[in-house]
Amino acid sequence: MRALVLGAAGRMGSEAMRDLAQSQDVSQVVAADARVERAKARAEALGDPVRRKVVAQAVDVTDGASLVRLMKEADVVVNCVGPFYRY
Protein backbone atom coordinates (compact mmCIF):
# COMPACT_ATOMS: atom_id res chain seq x y z
CA MET A 1 0.00 0.00 0.00
CA ARG A 2 1.23 3.52 -0.81
CA ALA A 3 0.38 6.18 1.77
CA LEU A 4 0.41 9.95 1.33
CA VAL A 5 0.83 12.14 4.40
CA LEU A 6 -0.07 15.79 3.79
CA GLY A 7 1.62 18.10 6.28
CA ALA A 8 4.34 15.56 7.09
CA ALA A 9 6.74 18.21 8.41
CA GLY A 10 4.43 19.10 11.30
CA ARG A 11 4.09 17.42 14.66
CA MET A 12 1.02 15.30 13.86
CA GLY A 13 2.09 14.62 10.28
CA SER A 14 5.54 13.39 11.27
CA GLU A 15 4.00 10.98 13.78
CA ALA A 16 1.60 9.67 11.14
CA MET A 17 4.53 9.28 8.74
CA ARG A 18 6.49 7.30 11.34
CA ASP A 19 3.59 5.01 12.20
CA LEU A 20 2.82 4.31 8.56
CA ALA A 21 6.47 3.69 7.67
CA GLN A 22 6.72 1.13 10.48
CA SER A 23 3.70 -0.79 9.19
CA GLN A 24 4.41 -3.96 7.22
CA ASP A 25 1.32 -3.25 5.10
CA VAL A 26 2.79 0.00 3.76
CA SER A 27 5.36 -0.19 0.98
CA GLN A 28 5.95 3.55 0.60
CA VAL A 29 5.12 6.74 2.46
CA VAL A 30 5.08 10.02 0.57
CA ALA A 31 5.85 12.76 3.10
CA ALA A 32 4.31 15.79 1.40
CA ASP A 33 4.65 19.29 2.75
CA ALA A 34 5.24 22.85 1.58
CA ARG A 35 8.34 22.71 3.80
CA VAL A 36 9.91 19.79 1.95
CA GLU A 37 13.35 20.20 3.57
CA ARG A 38 11.79 19.87 7.00
CA ALA A 39 9.84 16.80 5.86
CA LYS A 40 13.10 15.27 4.61
CA ALA A 41 14.76 15.95 7.96
CA ARG A 42 11.88 14.32 9.83
CA ALA A 43 12.14 11.28 7.55
CA GLU A 44 15.90 11.05 8.08
CA ALA A 45 15.36 11.05 11.84
CA LEU A 46 13.39 7.81 11.56
CA GLY A 47 16.52 5.74 10.98
CA ASP A 48 17.01 2.65 8.86
CA PRO A 49 15.22 0.60 7.60
CA VAL A 50 12.06 2.63 8.16
CA ARG A 51 13.30 5.81 6.47
CA ARG A 52 13.97 3.94 3.22
CA LYS A 53 10.20 3.65 2.79
CA VAL A 54 9.73 7.44 3.00
CA VAL A 55 9.93 9.83 0.05
CA ALA A 56 9.65 13.56 0.73
CA GLN A 57 7.80 15.67 -1.81
CA ALA A 58 6.87 19.34 -2.00
CA VAL A 59 3.16 20.07 -2.19
CA ASP A 60 0.96 23.16 -2.25
CA VAL A 61 -2.42 22.05 -0.93
CA THR A 62 -4.04 25.19 -2.31
CA ASP A 63 -3.25 24.02 -5.86
CA GLY A 64 -6.20 21.69 -6.35
CA ALA A 65 -5.10 20.14 -9.65
CA SER A 66 -1.64 19.14 -8.45
CA LEU A 67 -3.06 17.92 -5.14
CA VAL A 68 -5.55 15.67 -6.92
CA ARG A 69 -2.77 14.24 -9.11
CA LEU A 70 -0.69 13.46 -6.05
CA MET A 71 -3.62 11.90 -4.22
CA LYS A 72 -4.50 9.65 -7.17
CA GLU A 73 -1.08 7.99 -6.83
CA ALA A 74 -1.82 6.93 -3.24
CA ASP A 75 -3.93 4.17 -1.76
CA VAL A 76 -4.56 6.15 1.43
CA VAL A 77 -4.24 9.86 2.27
CA VAL A 78 -3.70 11.28 5.75
CA ASN A 79 -4.37 15.02 6.01
CA CYS A 80 -2.38 16.73 8.75
CA VAL A 81 -2.29 20.17 7.13
CA GLY A 82 -3.00 23.08 9.39
CA PRO A 83 -4.50 25.32 10.38
CA PHE A 84 -7.17 22.70 10.75
CA TYR A 85 -10.08 25.13 10.61
CA ARG A 86 -9.01 25.97 7.06
CA TYR A 87 -8.10 22.56 5.65
PDB file of N, CA and C in Angstrom:
ATOM      1  N   MET A   1       0.851  -1.164   0.000  1.00  0.00           N
ATOM      2  CA  MET A   1       0.000   0.000   0.000  1.00  0.00           C
ATOM      3  C   MET A   1       0.905   1.239   0.000  1.00  0.00           C
ATOM      4  N   ARG A   2       0.514   2.252  -0.746  1.00  0.00           N
ATOM      5  CA  ARG A   2       1.233   3.519  -0.810  1.00  0.00           C
ATOM      6  C   ARG A   2       0.424   4.573  -0.052  1.00  0.00           C
ATOM      7  N   ALA A   3       1.058   5.203   0.931  1.00  0.00           N
ATOM      8  CA  ALA A   3       0.382   6.182   1.774  1.00  0.00           C
ATOM      9  C   ALA A   3       0.936   7.579   1.496  1.00  0.00           C
ATOM     10  N   LEU A   4       0.058   8.551   1.493  1.00  0.00           N
ATOM     11  CA  LEU A   4       0.414   9.950   1.329  1.00  0.00           C
ATOM     12  C   LEU A   4       0.071  10.677   2.616  1.00  0.00           C
ATOM     13  N   VAL A   5       1.059  11.364   3.198  1.00  0.00           N
ATOM     14  CA  VAL A   5       0.830  12.144   4.401  1.00  0.00           C
ATOM     15  C   VAL A   5       1.001  13.609   4.032  1.00  0.00           C
ATOM     16  N   LEU A   6      -0.099  14.344   4.056  1.00  0.00           N
ATOM     17  CA  LEU A   6      -0.067  15.786   3.788  1.00  0.00           C
ATOM     18  C   LEU A   6       0.241  16.504   5.092  1.00  0.00           C
ATOM     19  N   GLY A   7       1.202  17.411   5.062  1.00  0.00           N
ATOM     20  CA  GLY A   7       1.616  18.099   6.284  1.00  0.00           C
ATOM     21  C   GLY A   7       2.587  17.268   7.098  1.00  0.00           C
ATOM     22  N   ALA A   8       3.429  16.498   6.418  1.00  0.00           N
ATOM     23  CA  ALA A   8       4.336  15.562   7.085  1.00  0.00           C
ATOM     24  C   ALA A   8       5.440  16.236   7.886  1.00  0.00           C
ATOM     25  N   ALA A   9       5.692  17.517   7.668  1.00  0.00           N
ATOM     26  CA  ALA A   9       6.737  18.213   8.411  1.00  0.00           C
ATOM     27  C   ALA A   9       6.266  18.670   9.786  1.00  0.00           C
ATOM     28  N   GLY A  10       4.971  18.660  10.015  1.00  0.00           N
ATOM     29  CA  GLY A  10       4.431  19.097  11.298  1.00  0.00           C
ATOM     30  C   GLY A  10       4.462  17.999  12.345  1.00  0.00           C
ATOM     31  N   ARG A  11       4.039  18.358  13.541  1.00  0.00           N
ATOM     32  CA  ARG A  11       4.086  17.417  14.665  1.00  0.00           C
ATOM     33  C   ARG A  11       3.192  16.202  14.429  1.00  0.00           C
ATOM     34  N   MET A  12       1.939  16.429  14.085  1.00  0.00           N
ATOM     35  CA  MET A  12       1.022  15.301  13.858  1.00  0.00           C
ATOM     36  C   MET A  12       1.388  14.530  12.592  1.00  0.00           C
ATOM     37  N   GLY A  13       1.746  15.259  11.543  1.00  0.00           N
ATOM     38  CA  GLY A  13       2.092  14.622  10.282  1.00  0.00           C
ATOM     39  C   GLY A  13       3.327  13.747  10.391  1.00  0.00           C
ATOM     40  N   SER A  14       4.326  14.201  11.131  1.00  0.00           N
ATOM     41  CA  SER A  14       5.540  13.387  11.269  1.00  0.00           C
ATOM     42  C   SER A  14       5.276  12.115  12.069  1.00  0.00           C
ATOM     43  N   GLU A  15       4.376  12.188  13.032  1.00  0.00           N
ATOM     44  CA  GLU A  15       4.005  10.979  13.784  1.00  0.00           C
ATOM     45  C   GLU A  15       3.234  10.002  12.898  1.00  0.00           C
ATOM     46  N   ALA A  16       2.328  10.531  12.084  1.00  0.00           N
ATOM     47  CA  ALA A  16       1.598   9.671  11.142  1.00  0.00           C
ATOM     48  C   ALA A  16       2.556   9.027  10.159  1.00  0.00           C
ATOM     49  N   MET A  17       3.525   9.804   9.662  1.00  0.00           N
ATOM     50  CA  MET A  17       4.526   9.281   8.740  1.00  0.00           C
ATOM     51  C   MET A  17       5.304   8.140   9.390  1.00  0.00           C
ATOM     52  N   ARG A  18       5.733   8.339  10.624  1.00  0.00           N
ATOM     53  CA  ARG A  18       6.487   7.304  11.343  1.00  0.00           C
ATOM     54  C   ARG A  18       5.674   6.037  11.521  1.00  0.00           C
ATOM     55  N   ASP A  19       4.444   6.184  11.984  1.00  0.00           N
ATOM     56  CA  ASP A  19       3.588   5.012  12.202  1.00  0.00           C
ATOM     57  C   ASP A  19       3.346   4.248  10.900  1.00  0.00           C
ATOM     58  N   LEU A  20       3.058   4.962   9.834  1.00  0.00           N
ATOM     59  CA  LEU A  20       2.818   4.307   8.556  1.00  0.00           C
ATOM     60  C   LEU A  20       4.074   3.626   8.026  1.00  0.00           C
ATOM     61  N   ALA A  21       5.218   4.265   8.164  1.00  0.00           N
ATOM     62  CA  ALA A  21       6.474   3.686   7.672  1.00  0.00           C
ATOM     63  C   ALA A  21       6.849   2.421   8.436  1.00  0.00           C
ATOM     64  N   GLN A  22       6.430   2.320   9.683  1.00  0.00           N
ATOM     65  CA  GLN A  22       6.718   1.131  10.477  1.00  0.00           C
ATOM     66  C   GLN A  22       5.773  -0.029  10.173  1.00  0.00           C
ATOM     67  N   SER A  23       4.685   0.245   9.489  1.00  0.00           N
ATOM     68  CA  SER A  23       3.699  -0.789   9.186  1.00  0.00           C
ATOM     69  C   SER A  23       4.189  -1.706   8.065  1.00  0.00           C
ATOM     70  N   GLN A  24       4.029  -2.987   8.255  1.00  0.00           N
ATOM     71  CA  GLN A  24       4.411  -3.963   7.224  1.00  0.00           C
ATOM     72  C   GLN A  24       3.485  -3.891   6.022  1.00  0.00           C
ATOM     73  N   ASP A  25       2.293  -3.347   6.191  1.00  0.00           N
ATOM     74  CA  ASP A  25       1.320  -3.248   5.102  1.00  0.00           C
ATOM     75  C   ASP A  25       1.600  -2.076   4.163  1.00  0.00           C
ATOM     76  N   VAL A  26       2.487  -1.188   4.554  1.00  0.00           N
ATOM     77  CA  VAL A  26       2.785   0.004   3.765  1.00  0.00           C
ATOM     78  C   VAL A  26       4.127  -0.173   3.077  1.00  0.00           C
ATOM     79  N   SER A  27       4.121  -0.040   1.749  1.00  0.00           N
ATOM     80  CA  SER A  27       5.362  -0.195   0.984  1.00  0.00           C
ATOM     81  C   SER A  27       6.088   1.127   0.796  1.00  0.00           C
ATOM     82  N   GLN A  28       5.340   2.234   0.775  1.00  0.00           N
ATOM     83  CA  GLN A  28       5.952   3.551   0.600  1.00  0.00           C
ATOM     84  C   GLN A  28       5.097   4.613   1.271  1.00  0.00           C
ATOM     85  N   VAL A  29       5.780   5.595   1.868  1.00  0.00           N
ATOM     86  CA  VAL A  29       5.122   6.744   2.463  1.00  0.00           C
ATOM     87  C   VAL A  29       5.634   7.988   1.750  1.00  0.00           C
ATOM     88  N   VAL A  30       4.722   8.751   1.178  1.00  0.00           N
ATOM     89  CA  VAL A  30       5.079  10.023   0.567  1.00  0.00           C
ATOM     90  C   VAL A  30       4.826  11.103   1.612  1.00  0.00           C
ATOM     91  N   ALA A  31       5.915  11.701   2.089  1.00  0.00           N
ATOM     92  CA  ALA A  31       5.846  12.758   3.096  1.00  0.00           C
ATOM     93  C   ALA A  31       5.751  14.087   2.369  1.00  0.00           C
ATOM     94  N   ALA A  32       4.546  14.582   2.195  1.00  0.00           N
ATOM     95  CA  ALA A  32       4.309  15.789   1.402  1.00  0.00           C
ATOM     96  C   ALA A  32       4.094  16.995   2.305  1.00  0.00           C
ATOM     97  N   ASP A  33       4.771  18.081   1.965  1.00  0.00           N
ATOM     98  CA  ASP A  33       4.647  19.295   2.753  1.00  0.00           C
ATOM     99  C   ASP A  33       5.180  20.461   1.930  1.00  0.00           C
ATOM    100  N   ALA A  34       4.699  21.656   2.220  1.00  0.00           N
ATOM    101  CA  ALA A  34       5.240  22.854   1.581  1.00  0.00           C
ATOM    102  C   ALA A  34       6.675  23.079   2.048  1.00  0.00           C
ATOM    103  N   ARG A  35       6.983  22.611   3.249  1.00  0.00           N
ATOM    104  CA  ARG A  35       8.338  22.710   3.803  1.00  0.00           C
ATOM    105  C   ARG A  35       9.063  21.377   3.574  1.00  0.00           C
ATOM    106  N   VAL A  36       9.377  21.102   2.327  1.00  0.00           N
ATOM    107  CA  VAL A  36       9.908  19.794   1.948  1.00  0.00           C
ATOM    108  C   VAL A  36      11.235  19.478   2.649  1.00  0.00           C
ATOM    109  N   GLU A  37      12.073  20.461   2.880  1.00  0.00           N
ATOM    110  CA  GLU A  37      13.347  20.198   3.566  1.00  0.00           C
ATOM    111  C   GLU A  37      13.112  19.732   5.002  1.00  0.00           C
ATOM    112  N   ARG A  38      12.118  20.293   5.643  1.00  0.00           N
ATOM    113  CA  ARG A  38      11.787  19.865   7.004  1.00  0.00           C
ATOM    114  C   ARG A  38      11.190  18.454   6.995  1.00  0.00           C
ATOM    115  N   ALA A  39      10.385  18.152   5.988  1.00  0.00           N
ATOM    116  CA  ALA A  39       9.839  16.797   5.858  1.00  0.00           C
ATOM    117  C   ALA A  39      10.963  15.784   5.640  1.00  0.00           C
ATOM    118  N   LYS A  40      11.950  16.155   4.826  1.00  0.00           N
ATOM    119  CA  LYS A  40      13.104  15.272   4.610  1.00  0.00           C
ATOM    120  C   LYS A  40      13.859  15.036   5.913  1.00  0.00           C
ATOM    121  N   ALA A  41      14.048  16.082   6.688  1.00  0.00           N
ATOM    122  CA  ALA A  41      14.759  15.953   7.956  1.00  0.00           C
ATOM    123  C   ALA A  41      14.001  15.051   8.922  1.00  0.00           C
ATOM    124  N   ARG A  42      12.686  15.186   8.958  1.00  0.00           N
ATOM    125  CA  ARG A  42      11.876  14.317   9.830  1.00  0.00           C
ATOM    126  C   ARG A  42      11.971  12.861   9.383  1.00  0.00           C
ATOM    127  N   ALA A  43      12.006  12.644   8.078  1.00  0.00           N
ATOM    128  CA  ALA A  43      12.139  11.282   7.553  1.00  0.00           C
ATOM    129  C   ALA A  43      13.513  10.700   7.892  1.00  0.00           C
ATOM    130  N   GLU A  44      14.546  11.501   7.755  1.00  0.00           N
ATOM    131  CA  GLU A  44      15.902  11.049   8.077  1.00  0.00           C
ATOM    132  C   GLU A  44      16.023  10.651   9.541  1.00  0.00           C
ATOM    133  N   ALA A  45      15.301  11.331  10.406  1.00  0.00           N
ATOM    134  CA  ALA A  45      15.361  11.049  11.837  1.00  0.00           C
ATOM    135  C   ALA A  45      14.757   9.694  12.196  1.00  0.00           C
ATOM    136  N   LEU A  46      14.024   9.100  11.288  1.00  0.00           N
ATOM    137  CA  LEU A  46      13.390   7.806  11.562  1.00  0.00           C
ATOM    138  C   LEU A  46      14.398   6.681  11.668  1.00  0.00           C
ATOM    139  N   GLY A  47      15.512   6.792  10.963  1.00  0.00           N
ATOM    140  CA  GLY A  47      16.516   5.742  10.983  1.00  0.00           C
ATOM    141  C   GLY A  47      16.168   4.594  10.058  1.00  0.00           C
ATOM    142  N   ASP A  48      17.198   3.812   9.731  1.00  0.00           N
ATOM    143  CA  ASP A  48      17.014   2.645   8.862  1.00  0.00           C
ATOM    144  C   ASP A  48      16.320   1.544   9.625  1.00  0.00           C
ATOM    145  N   PRO A  49      15.611   0.646   9.011  1.00  0.00           N
ATOM    146  CA  PRO A  49      15.224   0.605   7.602  1.00  0.00           C
ATOM    147  C   PRO A  49      13.945   1.378   7.297  1.00  0.00           C
ATOM    148  N   VAL A  50      13.350   1.954   8.327  1.00  0.00           N
ATOM    149  CA  VAL A  50      12.064   2.626   8.157  1.00  0.00           C
ATOM    150  C   VAL A  50      12.164   3.801   7.189  1.00  0.00           C
ATOM    151  N   ARG A  51      13.208   4.607   7.299  1.00  0.00           N
ATOM    152  CA  ARG A  51      13.303   5.815   6.473  1.00  0.00           C
ATOM    153  C   ARG A  51      13.417   5.508   4.988  1.00  0.00           C
ATOM    154  N   ARG A  52      13.864   4.310   4.650  1.00  0.00           N
ATOM    155  CA  ARG A  52      13.969   3.942   3.224  1.00  0.00           C
ATOM    156  C   ARG A  52      12.605   3.850   2.555  1.00  0.00           C
ATOM    157  N   LYS A  53      11.563   3.714   3.334  1.00  0.00           N
ATOM    158  CA  LYS A  53      10.202   3.655   2.787  1.00  0.00           C
ATOM    159  C   LYS A  53       9.612   5.036   2.542  1.00  0.00           C
ATOM    160  N   VAL A  54      10.276   6.077   3.041  1.00  0.00           N
ATOM    161  CA  VAL A  54       9.729   7.439   2.999  1.00  0.00           C
ATOM    162  C   VAL A  54      10.365   8.255   1.880  1.00  0.00           C
ATOM    163  N   VAL A  55       9.503   8.918   1.107  1.00  0.00           N
ATOM    164  CA  VAL A  55       9.933   9.830   0.050  1.00  0.00           C
ATOM    165  C   VAL A  55       9.317  11.181   0.343  1.00  0.00           C
ATOM    166  N   ALA A  56      10.156  12.212   0.476  1.00  0.00           N
ATOM    167  CA  ALA A  56       9.649  13.564   0.729  1.00  0.00           C
ATOM    168  C   ALA A  56       9.320  14.246  -0.590  1.00  0.00           C
ATOM    169  N   GLN A  57       8.234  14.980  -0.597  1.00  0.00           N
ATOM    170  CA  GLN A  57       7.798  15.672  -1.808  1.00  0.00           C
ATOM    171  C   GLN A  57       7.159  16.998  -1.437  1.00  0.00           C
ATOM    172  N   ALA A  58       7.492  18.033  -2.209  1.00  0.00           N
ATOM    173  CA  ALA A  58       6.872  19.343  -2.000  1.00  0.00           C
ATOM    174  C   ALA A  58       5.437  19.310  -2.510  1.00  0.00           C
ATOM    175  N   VAL A  59       4.553  19.985  -1.771  1.00  0.00           N
ATOM    176  CA  VAL A  59       3.160  20.072  -2.195  1.00  0.00           C
ATOM    177  C   VAL A  59       2.583  21.407  -1.743  1.00  0.00           C
ATOM    178  N   ASP A  60       1.733  21.959  -2.582  1.00  0.00           N
ATOM    179  CA  ASP A  60       0.959  23.156  -2.246  1.00  0.00           C
ATOM    180  C   ASP A  60      -0.495  22.726  -2.227  1.00  0.00           C
ATOM    181  N   VAL A  61      -1.058  22.574  -1.037  1.00  0.00           N
ATOM    182  CA  VAL A  61      -2.421  22.051  -0.930  1.00  0.00           C
ATOM    183  C   VAL A  61      -3.470  23.011  -1.461  1.00  0.00           C
ATOM    184  N   THR A  62      -3.083  24.252  -1.726  1.00  0.00           N
ATOM    185  CA  THR A  62      -4.042  25.195  -2.308  1.00  0.00           C
ATOM    186  C   THR A  62      -4.114  25.075  -3.824  1.00  0.00           C
ATOM    187  N   ASP A  63      -3.228  24.288  -4.419  1.00  0.00           N
ATOM    188  CA  ASP A  63      -3.252  24.016  -5.861  1.00  0.00           C
ATOM    189  C   ASP A  63      -4.022  22.716  -6.070  1.00  0.00           C
ATOM    190  N   GLY A  64      -5.315  22.848  -6.282  1.00  0.00           N
ATOM    191  CA  GLY A  64      -6.204  21.694  -6.353  1.00  0.00           C
ATOM    192  C   GLY A  64      -5.818  20.654  -7.386  1.00  0.00           C
ATOM    193  N   ALA A  65      -5.429  21.085  -8.579  1.00  0.00           N
ATOM    194  CA  ALA A  65      -5.105  20.138  -9.645  1.00  0.00           C
ATOM    195  C   ALA A  65      -3.886  19.294  -9.293  1.00  0.00           C
ATOM    196  N   SER A  66      -2.833  19.917  -8.790  1.00  0.00           N
ATOM    197  CA  SER A  66      -1.640  19.143  -8.446  1.00  0.00           C
ATOM    198  C   SER A  66      -1.890  18.262  -7.228  1.00  0.00           C
ATOM    199  N   LEU A  67      -2.717  18.728  -6.305  1.00  0.00           N
ATOM    200  CA  LEU A  67      -3.056  17.925  -5.136  1.00  0.00           C
ATOM    201  C   LEU A  67      -3.832  16.676  -5.542  1.00  0.00           C
ATOM    202  N   VAL A  68      -4.772  16.826  -6.442  1.00  0.00           N
ATOM    203  CA  VAL A  68      -5.552  15.670  -6.918  1.00  0.00           C
ATOM    204  C   VAL A  68      -4.642  14.664  -7.616  1.00  0.00           C
ATOM    205  N   ARG A  69      -3.719  15.142  -8.438  1.00  0.00           N
ATOM    206  CA  ARG A  69      -2.775  14.235  -9.113  1.00  0.00           C
ATOM    207  C   ARG A  69      -1.963  13.443  -8.103  1.00  0.00           C
ATOM    208  N   LEU A  70      -1.473  14.114  -7.082  1.00  0.00           N
ATOM    209  CA  LEU A  70      -0.686  13.455  -6.052  1.00  0.00           C
ATOM    210  C   LEU A  70      -1.526  12.435  -5.289  1.00  0.00           C
ATOM    211  N   MET A  71      -2.752  12.798  -4.969  1.00  0.00           N
ATOM    212  CA  MET A  71      -3.623  11.900  -4.219  1.00  0.00           C
ATOM    213  C   MET A  71      -4.008  10.665  -5.026  1.00  0.00           C
ATOM    214  N   LYS A  72      -4.135  10.796  -6.330  1.00  0.00           N
ATOM    215  CA  LYS A  72      -4.501   9.654  -7.173  1.00  0.00           C
ATOM    216  C   LYS A  72      -3.418   8.581  -7.190  1.00  0.00           C
ATOM    217  N   GLU A  73      -2.187   8.947  -6.851  1.00  0.00           N
ATOM    218  CA  GLU A  73      -1.083   7.991  -6.827  1.00  0.00           C
ATOM    219  C   GLU A  73      -1.021   7.202  -5.526  1.00  0.00           C
ATOM    220  N   ALA A  74      -1.856   7.549  -4.562  1.00  0.00           N
ATOM    221  CA  ALA A  74      -1.819   6.925  -3.240  1.00  0.00           C
ATOM    222  C   ALA A  74      -3.025   6.016  -3.028  1.00  0.00           C
ATOM    223  N   ASP A  75      -2.828   5.038  -2.165  1.00  0.00           N
ATOM    224  CA  ASP A  75      -3.927   4.168  -1.758  1.00  0.00           C
ATOM    225  C   ASP A  75      -4.684   4.752  -0.573  1.00  0.00           C
ATOM    226  N   VAL A  76      -3.964   5.518   0.259  1.00  0.00           N
ATOM    227  CA  VAL A  76      -4.565   6.154   1.427  1.00  0.00           C
ATOM    228  C   VAL A  76      -3.918   7.527   1.609  1.00  0.00           C
ATOM    229  N   VAL A  77      -4.726   8.499   2.035  1.00  0.00           N
ATOM    230  CA  VAL A  77      -4.242   9.857   2.268  1.00  0.00           C
ATOM    231  C   VAL A  77      -4.560  10.251   3.700  1.00  0.00           C
ATOM    232  N   VAL A  78      -3.540  10.779   4.386  1.00  0.00           N
ATOM    233  CA  VAL A  78      -3.705  11.282   5.746  1.00  0.00           C
ATOM    234  C   VAL A  78      -3.474  12.788   5.686  1.00  0.00           C
ATOM    235  N   ASN A  79      -4.476  13.564   6.063  1.00  0.00           N
ATOM    236  CA  ASN A  79      -4.372  15.016   6.013  1.00  0.00           C
ATOM    237  C   ASN A  79      -4.039  15.571   7.395  1.00  0.00           C
ATOM    238  N   CYS A  80      -2.825  16.106   7.506  1.00  0.00           N
ATOM    239  CA  CYS A  80      -2.379  16.734   8.755  1.00  0.00           C
ATOM    240  C   CYS A  80      -1.999  18.191   8.495  1.00  0.00           C
ATOM    241  N   VAL A  81      -2.596  18.791   7.488  1.00  0.00           N
ATOM    242  CA  VAL A  81      -2.295  20.174   7.128  1.00  0.00           C
ATOM    243  C   VAL A  81      -3.056  21.123   8.049  1.00  0.00           C
ATOM    244  N   GLY A  82      -2.348  22.085   8.559  1.00  0.00           N
ATOM    245  CA  GLY A  82      -3.003  23.081   9.394  1.00  0.00           C
ATOM    246  C   GLY A  82      -2.918  24.447   8.749  1.00  0.00           C
ATOM    247  N   PRO A  83      -3.626  25.408   9.217  1.00  0.00           N
ATOM    248  CA  PRO A  83      -4.499  25.320  10.383  1.00  0.00           C
ATOM    249  C   PRO A  83      -5.743  24.501  10.061  1.00  0.00           C
ATOM    250  N   PHE A  84      -6.125  23.688  11.015  1.00  0.00           N
ATOM    251  CA  PHE A  84      -7.166  22.702  10.755  1.00  0.00           C
ATOM    252  C   PHE A  84      -8.527  23.301  10.448  1.00  0.00           C
ATOM    253  N   TYR A  85      -8.805  24.495  10.936  1.00  0.00           N
ATOM    254  CA  TYR A  85     -10.082  25.127  10.610  1.00  0.00           C
ATOM    255  C   TYR A  85     -10.163  25.487   9.130  1.00  0.00           C
ATOM    256  N   ARG A  86      -9.016  25.601   8.472  1.00  0.00           N
ATOM    257  CA  ARG A  86      -9.006  25.971   7.055  1.00  0.00           C
ATOM    258  C   ARG A  86      -8.962  24.763   6.131  1.00  0.00           C
ATOM    259  N   TYR A  87      -8.270  23.713   6.532  1.00  0.00           N
ATOM    260  CA  TYR A  87      -8.097  22.556   5.652  1.00  0.00           C
ATOM    261  C   TYR A  87      -8.784  21.327   6.205  1.00  0.00           C
TER     262      TYR A  87
END
